[in-house]
């Protein structure tokens, strides 16, 4: 989904989440094999971020980003595709931790 006014797509929001996941991988490693799937859905209060893994025990966790948070993270992703966004990192990290139970 593309937001013309903001010039941001849900793929760029997912990219910002992925950079946070990569940062967490570098620091803590994942306890599941592979890389998590990231899905961004527009909801009434902003964006629902779903993180799921297809491992021995498939699991999914989600959290909300406000529209402002998501747009800010996507803009940061567009500026630097190698640095994670500290403003959303904690929520991504907590969701990743919950996925592995």
C-alpha atoms as a PDB file:
ATOM      1  CA  UNK A   1       0.000   0.000   0.000  1.00  0.00           C
ATOM      2  CA  UNK A   2       1.399   3.400  -0.954  1.00  0.00           C
ATOM      3  CA  UNK A   3       0.575   6.672   0.801  1.00  0.00           C
ATOM      4  CA  UNK A   4       0.947   9.383  -1.821  1.00  0.00           C
ATOM      5  CA  UNK A   5       0.890  12.377   0.510  1.00  0.00           C
ATOM      6  CA  UNK A   6       3.657  10.961   2.728  1.00  0.00           C
ATOM      7  CA  UNK A   7       5.445   9.220  -0.174  1.00  0.00           C
ATOM      8  CA  UNK A   8       5.776   6.112   2.002  1.00  0.00           C
ATOM      9  CA  UNK A   9       4.765   2.491   1.409  1.00  0.00           C
ATOM     10  CA  UNK A  10       3.959  -0.298   3.820  1.00  0.00           C
ATOM     11  CA  UNK A  11       7.013  -2.084   2.376  1.00  0.00           C
ATOM     12  CA  UNK A  12       9.193   0.715   3.757  1.00  0.00           C
ATOM     13  CA  UNK A  13       7.533   0.385   7.156  1.00  0.00           C
ATOM     14  CA  UNK A  14       8.286  -3.346   6.980  1.00  0.00           C
ATOM     15  CA  UNK A  15      11.862  -2.475   6.002  1.00  0.00           C
ATOM     16  CA  UNK A  16      12.237  -0.382   9.142  1.00  0.00           C
ATOM     17  CA  UNK A  17      10.944  -3.300  11.220  1.00  0.00           C
ATOM     18  CA  UNK A  18      13.331  -5.667   9.409  1.00  0.00           C
ATOM     19  CA  UNK A  19      16.312  -3.438  10.250  1.00  0.00           C
ATOM     20  CA  UNK A  20      15.316  -3.671  13.911  1.00  0.00           C
ATOM     21  CA  UNK A  21      15.095  -7.460  13.592  1.00  0.00           C
ATOM     22  CA  UNK A  22      18.546  -7.549  11.966  1.00  0.00           C
ATOM     23  CA  UNK A  23      19.956  -5.447  14.797  1.00  0.00           C
ATOM     24  CA  UNK A  24      18.423  -7.835  17.333  1.00  0.00           C
ATOM     25  CA  UNK A  25      19.848 -10.795  15.399  1.00  0.00           C
ATOM     26  CA  UNK A  26      23.332  -9.276  15.550  1.00  0.00           C
ATOM     27  CA  UNK A  27      23.091  -8.647  19.293  1.00  0.00           C
ATOM     28  CA  UNK A  28      21.099 -11.622  20.590  1.00  0.00           C
ATOM     29  CA  UNK A  29      20.725 -14.155  17.764  1.00  0.00           C
ATOM     30  CA  UNK A  30      17.335 -15.724  17.128  1.00  0.00           C
ATOM     31  CA  UNK A  31      16.252 -18.952  18.781  1.00  0.00           C
ATOM     32  CA  UNK A  32      14.487 -20.032  15.586  1.00  0.00           C
ATOM     33  CA  UNK A  33      15.922 -20.917  12.216  1.00  0.00           C
ATOM     34  CA  UNK A  34      15.607 -18.466   9.352  1.00  0.00           C
ATOM     35  CA  UNK A  35      14.242 -14.935   9.365  1.00  0.00           C
ATOM     36  CA  UNK A  36      10.794 -13.855  10.561  1.00  0.00           C
ATOM     37  CA  UNK A  37       8.042 -12.832   8.188  1.00  0.00           C
ATOM     38  CA  UNK A  38       6.894  -9.238   8.633  1.00  0.00           C
ATOM     39  CA  UNK A  39       3.448  -8.055   7.624  1.00  0.00           C
ATOM     40  CA  UNK A  40       2.104  -4.509   7.912  1.00  0.00           C
ATOM     41  CA  UNK A  41      -1.654  -3.908   7.959  1.00  0.00           C
ATOM     42  CA  UNK A  42      -3.435  -0.570   8.056  1.00  0.00           C
ATOM     43  CA  UNK A  43      -5.837  -0.476  11.009  1.00  0.00           C
ATOM     44  CA  UNK A  44      -7.999   2.234  12.532  1.00  0.00           C
ATOM     45  CA  UNK A  45      -5.376   3.423  15.027  1.00  0.00           C
ATOM     46  CA  UNK A  46      -2.336   3.164  12.734  1.00  0.00           C
ATOM     47  CA  UNK A  47      -0.540   0.045  11.597  1.00  0.00           C
ATOM     48  CA  UNK A  48      -0.543  -3.462  12.974  1.00  0.00           C
ATOM     49  CA  UNK A  49       2.851  -5.108  12.645  1.00  0.00           C
ATOM     50  CA  UNK A  50       2.754  -8.919  12.564  1.00  0.00           C
ATOM     51  CA  UNK A  51       5.925 -10.917  13.048  1.00  0.00           C
ATOM     52  CA  UNK A  52       5.715 -14.643  12.436  1.00  0.00           C
ATOM     53  CA  UNK A  53       8.009 -17.636  12.127  1.00  0.00           C
ATOM     54  CA  UNK A  54       7.493 -21.018  10.534  1.00  0.00           C
ATOM     55  CA  UNK A  55       9.716 -23.162  12.725  1.00  0.00           C
ATOM     56  CA  UNK A  56       9.057 -26.396  14.601  1.00  0.00           C
ATOM     57  CA  UNK A  57       6.319 -24.462  16.357  1.00  0.00           C
ATOM     58  CA  UNK A  58       4.896 -21.738  14.065  1.00  0.00           C
ATOM     59  CA  UNK A  59       4.090 -18.566  15.981  1.00  0.00           C
ATOM     60  CA  UNK A  60       2.926 -15.000  15.399  1.00  0.00           C
ATOM     61  CA  UNK A  61       3.037 -11.865  17.511  1.00  0.00           C
ATOM     62  CA  UNK A  62       1.837  -8.367  16.722  1.00  0.00           C
ATOM     63  CA  UNK A  63       1.998  -4.812  17.979  1.00  0.00           C
ATOM     64  CA  UNK A  64       0.691  -1.426  16.905  1.00  0.00           C
ATOM     65  CA  UNK A  65       2.537   1.561  15.516  1.00  0.00           C
ATOM     66  CA  UNK A  66       0.746   4.877  15.310  1.00  0.00           C
ATOM     67  CA  UNK A  67       0.625   6.420  11.864  1.00  0.00           C
ATOM     68  CA  UNK A  68       3.178   9.025  12.968  1.00  0.00           C
ATOM     69  CA  UNK A  69       5.546   6.372  14.346  1.00  0.00           C
ATOM     70  CA  UNK A  70       5.252   4.222  11.236  1.00  0.00           C
ATOM     71  CA  UNK A  71       5.794   7.138   8.858  1.00  0.00           C
ATOM     72  CA  UNK A  72       8.783   8.336  10.859  1.00  0.00           C
ATOM     73  CA  UNK A  73      10.322   4.849  10.863  1.00  0.00           C
ATOM     74  CA  UNK A  74       9.752   4.482   7.112  1.00  0.00           C
ATOM     75  CA  UNK A  75      11.348   7.868   6.419  1.00  0.00           C
ATOM     76  CA  UNK A  76      14.351   6.875   8.546  1.00  0.00           C
ATOM     77  CA  UNK A  77      14.552   3.619   6.578  1.00  0.00           C
ATOM     78  CA  UNK A  78      14.598   5.557   3.315  1.00  0.00           C
ATOM     79  CA  UNK A  79      17.393   7.815   4.598  1.00  0.00           C
ATOM     80  CA  UNK A  80      19.620   5.031   5.933  1.00  0.00           C
ATOM     81  CA  UNK A  81      18.931   1.454   4.967  1.00  0.00           C
ATOM     82  CA  UNK A  82      21.548   0.150   7.377  1.00  0.00           C
ATOM     83  CA  UNK A  83      20.622   1.732  10.745  1.00  0.00           C
ATOM     84  CA  UNK A  84      17.691   0.524  12.837  1.00  0.00           C
ATOM     85  CA  UNK A  85      15.159   2.965  14.298  1.00  0.00           C
ATOM     86  CA  UNK A  86      15.575   3.101  18.098  1.00  0.00           C
ATOM     87  CA  UNK A  87      12.044   4.521  18.455  1.00  0.00           C
ATOM     88  CA  UNK A  88      10.457   1.196  17.423  1.00  0.00           C
ATOM     89  CA  UNK A  89      13.251  -1.233  18.318  1.00  0.00           C
ATOM     90  CA  UNK A  90      11.968  -2.247  21.768  1.00  0.00           C
ATOM     91  CA  UNK A  91       8.563  -3.283  20.405  1.00  0.00           C
ATOM     92  CA  UNK A  92      10.148  -5.285  17.586  1.00  0.00           C
ATOM     93  CA  UNK A  93      12.546  -6.976  20.008  1.00  0.00           C
ATOM     94  CA  UNK A  94       9.742  -7.847  22.449  1.00  0.00           C
ATOM     95  CA  UNK A  95       7.628  -9.320  19.633  1.00  0.00           C
ATOM     96  CA  UNK A  96      10.585 -11.415  18.468  1.00  0.00           C
ATOM     97  CA  UNK A  97      11.128 -12.673  22.010  1.00  0.00           C
ATOM     98  CA  UNK A  98       7.433 -13.599  22.341  1.00  0.00           C
ATOM     99  CA  UNK A  99       7.491 -15.493  19.032  1.00  0.00           C
ATOM    100  CA  UNK A 100       9.909 -18.013  20.509  1.00  0.00           C
ATOM    101  CA  UNK A 101       8.019 -18.158  23.790  1.00  0.00           C
END
